């Protein structure tokens, strides 16, 4: 798989550039949402649930 299908394998600078490209195309998906989706796709349901907990409001 390449970095387009696994952006989390990029070094920090490469990930930042990928996010900047995404923003240029008016993509408004939060990286945490993308991470949770990727984890679910990989079968890591517990880790995905943990990431999703971070997205919940605190009140």
N, C-alpha and C. Protein backbone atom coordinates (compact mmCIF):
# COMPACT_ATOMS: atom_id res chain seq x y z
N UNK A 1 0.84 -1.19 0.00
CA UNK A 1 0.00 0.00 0.00
C UNK A 1 0.88 1.24 0.00
N UNK A 2 0.36 2.30 -0.57
CA UNK A 2 1.14 3.53 -0.63
C UNK A 2 0.64 4.54 0.39
N UNK A 3 1.24 5.73 0.38
CA UNK A 3 0.90 6.75 1.36
C UNK A 3 -0.52 7.29 1.17
N UNK A 4 -1.06 7.15 -0.04
CA UNK A 4 -2.43 7.63 -0.27
C UNK A 4 -3.43 6.77 0.48
N UNK A 5 -3.15 5.49 0.62
CA UNK A 5 -4.07 4.63 1.33
C UNK A 5 -3.68 4.47 2.79
N UNK A 6 -2.44 4.82 3.13
CA UNK A 6 -1.96 4.75 4.52
C UNK A 6 -1.19 6.02 4.86
N UNK A 7 -1.89 7.15 4.96
CA UNK A 7 -1.18 8.41 5.22
C UNK A 7 -0.47 8.41 6.56
N UNK A 8 -0.87 7.53 7.49
CA UNK A 8 -0.26 7.53 8.82
C UNK A 8 1.15 6.96 8.78
N UNK A 9 1.55 6.37 7.65
CA UNK A 9 2.91 5.84 7.54
C UNK A 9 3.89 6.91 7.08
N UNK A 10 3.39 8.09 6.78
CA UNK A 10 4.26 9.18 6.35
C UNK A 10 5.05 9.75 7.52
N UNK A 11 6.25 10.27 7.24
CA UNK A 11 6.94 11.02 8.30
C UNK A 11 6.15 12.29 8.58
N UNK A 12 6.35 12.93 9.73
CA UNK A 12 5.54 14.11 10.10
C UNK A 12 5.51 15.19 9.02
N UNK A 13 6.63 15.48 8.41
CA UNK A 13 6.65 16.53 7.37
C UNK A 13 5.81 16.12 6.16
N UNK A 14 5.88 14.86 5.77
CA UNK A 14 5.09 14.38 4.64
C UNK A 14 3.60 14.40 4.96
N UNK A 15 3.26 14.05 6.20
CA UNK A 15 1.86 14.07 6.61
C UNK A 15 1.34 15.50 6.59
N UNK A 16 2.16 16.45 7.05
CA UNK A 16 1.75 17.85 7.04
C UNK A 16 1.49 18.32 5.61
N UNK A 17 2.38 17.93 4.67
CA UNK A 17 2.17 18.31 3.26
C UNK A 17 0.90 17.68 2.70
N UNK A 18 0.63 16.43 3.06
CA UNK A 18 -0.58 15.78 2.59
C UNK A 18 -1.83 16.50 3.12
N UNK A 19 -1.79 16.90 4.39
CA UNK A 19 -2.92 17.64 4.95
C UNK A 19 -3.09 18.99 4.26
N UNK A 20 -1.99 19.66 3.95
CA UNK A 20 -2.08 20.94 3.25
C UNK A 20 -2.72 20.76 1.87
N UNK A 21 -2.37 19.68 1.18
CA UNK A 21 -2.99 19.40 -0.12
C UNK A 21 -4.49 19.15 0.05
N UNK A 22 -4.83 18.44 1.09
CA UNK A 22 -6.24 18.16 1.38
C UNK A 22 -6.99 19.46 1.63
N UNK A 23 -6.41 20.35 2.41
CA UNK A 23 -7.05 21.63 2.71
C UNK A 23 -7.23 22.47 1.46
N UNK A 24 -6.29 22.38 0.53
CA UNK A 24 -6.41 23.13 -0.72
C UNK A 24 -7.62 22.66 -1.53
N UNK A 25 -8.03 21.44 -1.32
CA UNK A 25 -9.18 20.90 -2.03
C UNK A 25 -10.44 20.99 -1.18
N UNK A 26 -10.39 21.85 -0.17
CA UNK A 26 -11.51 22.12 0.72
C UNK A 26 -12.03 20.86 1.42
N UNK A 27 -11.12 19.99 1.77
CA UNK A 27 -11.49 18.80 2.52
C UNK A 27 -11.56 19.18 3.99
N UNK A 28 -12.70 18.96 4.62
CA UNK A 28 -12.85 19.39 6.01
C UNK A 28 -12.93 18.22 6.98
N UNK A 29 -12.46 17.06 6.58
CA UNK A 29 -12.48 15.92 7.50
C UNK A 29 -11.37 16.05 8.52
N UNK A 30 -11.72 15.91 9.74
CA UNK A 30 -10.76 15.97 10.82
C UNK A 30 -9.81 14.77 10.74
N UNK A 31 -8.51 14.97 10.94
CA UNK A 31 -7.57 13.85 10.89
C UNK A 31 -7.91 12.74 11.89
N UNK A 32 -8.51 13.10 13.01
CA UNK A 32 -8.90 12.08 13.99
C UNK A 32 -10.02 11.20 13.44
N UNK A 33 -10.93 11.80 12.69
CA UNK A 33 -12.01 11.02 12.07
C UNK A 33 -11.41 10.06 11.04
N UNK A 34 -10.47 10.58 10.25
CA UNK A 34 -9.82 9.73 9.25
C UNK A 34 -9.06 8.60 9.93
N UNK A 35 -8.41 8.89 11.03
CA UNK A 35 -7.67 7.87 11.77
C UNK A 35 -8.61 6.78 12.29
N UNK A 36 -9.73 7.19 12.84
CA UNK A 36 -10.70 6.22 13.35
C UNK A 36 -11.23 5.34 12.22
N UNK A 37 -11.51 5.94 11.07
CA UNK A 37 -11.98 5.16 9.91
C UNK A 37 -10.93 4.16 9.46
N UNK A 38 -9.68 4.60 9.42
CA UNK A 38 -8.60 3.72 9.00
C UNK A 38 -8.46 2.55 9.98
N UNK A 39 -8.51 2.84 11.26
CA UNK A 39 -8.40 1.78 12.26
C UNK A 39 -9.54 0.77 12.14
N UNK A 40 -10.75 1.27 11.92
CA UNK A 40 -11.89 0.36 11.73
C UNK A 40 -11.69 -0.50 10.49
N UNK A 41 -11.24 0.12 9.42
CA UNK A 41 -10.99 -0.60 8.17
C UNK A 41 -9.95 -1.70 8.36
N UNK A 42 -8.98 -1.44 9.21
CA UNK A 42 -7.92 -2.41 9.49
C UNK A 42 -8.36 -3.47 10.51
N UNK A 43 -9.56 -3.33 11.05
CA UNK A 43 -10.06 -4.30 12.02
C UNK A 43 -9.68 -3.99 13.45
N UNK A 44 -9.14 -2.82 13.71
CA UNK A 44 -8.74 -2.41 15.06
C UNK A 44 -9.88 -1.64 15.72
N UNK A 45 -10.95 -2.36 16.03
CA UNK A 45 -12.17 -1.71 16.53
C UNK A 45 -11.97 -1.04 17.89
N UNK A 46 -11.21 -1.65 18.77
CA UNK A 46 -11.00 -1.04 20.09
C UNK A 46 -10.19 0.24 19.99
N UNK A 47 -9.16 0.25 19.17
CA UNK A 47 -8.38 1.47 18.98
C UNK A 47 -9.22 2.54 18.32
N UNK A 48 -10.05 2.15 17.34
CA UNK A 48 -10.94 3.12 16.69
C UNK A 48 -11.90 3.74 17.71
N UNK A 49 -12.44 2.91 18.57
CA UNK A 49 -13.35 3.42 19.60
C UNK A 49 -12.63 4.39 20.52
N UNK A 50 -11.38 4.12 20.83
CA UNK A 50 -10.60 5.03 21.69
C UNK A 50 -10.41 6.38 21.01
N UNK A 51 -10.08 6.36 19.74
CA UNK A 51 -9.91 7.61 18.99
C UNK A 51 -11.24 8.36 18.92
N UNK A 52 -12.33 7.64 18.68
CA UNK A 52 -13.63 8.28 18.61
C UNK A 52 -14.01 8.92 19.95
N UNK A 53 -13.60 8.34 21.07
CA UNK A 53 -13.86 8.93 22.38
C UNK A 53 -13.22 10.31 22.49
N UNK A 54 -12.06 10.48 21.85
CA UNK A 54 -11.38 11.76 21.88
C UNK A 54 -12.15 12.84 21.12
N UNK A 55 -13.04 12.41 20.23
CA UNK A 55 -13.81 13.37 19.42
C UNK A 55 -15.09 13.82 20.09
N UNK A 56 -15.48 13.15 21.16
CA UNK A 56 -16.73 13.49 21.84
C UNK A 56 -16.58 14.77 22.65
N UNK A 57 -17.63 15.58 22.69
CA UNK A 57 -17.57 16.79 23.52
C UNK A 57 -17.43 16.44 24.99
N UNK A 58 -16.85 17.33 25.75
CA UNK A 58 -16.59 17.09 27.17
C UNK A 58 -17.76 17.42 28.06
N UNK A 59 -18.82 17.97 27.52
CA UNK A 59 -19.96 18.35 28.37
C UNK A 59 -21.12 17.42 28.15
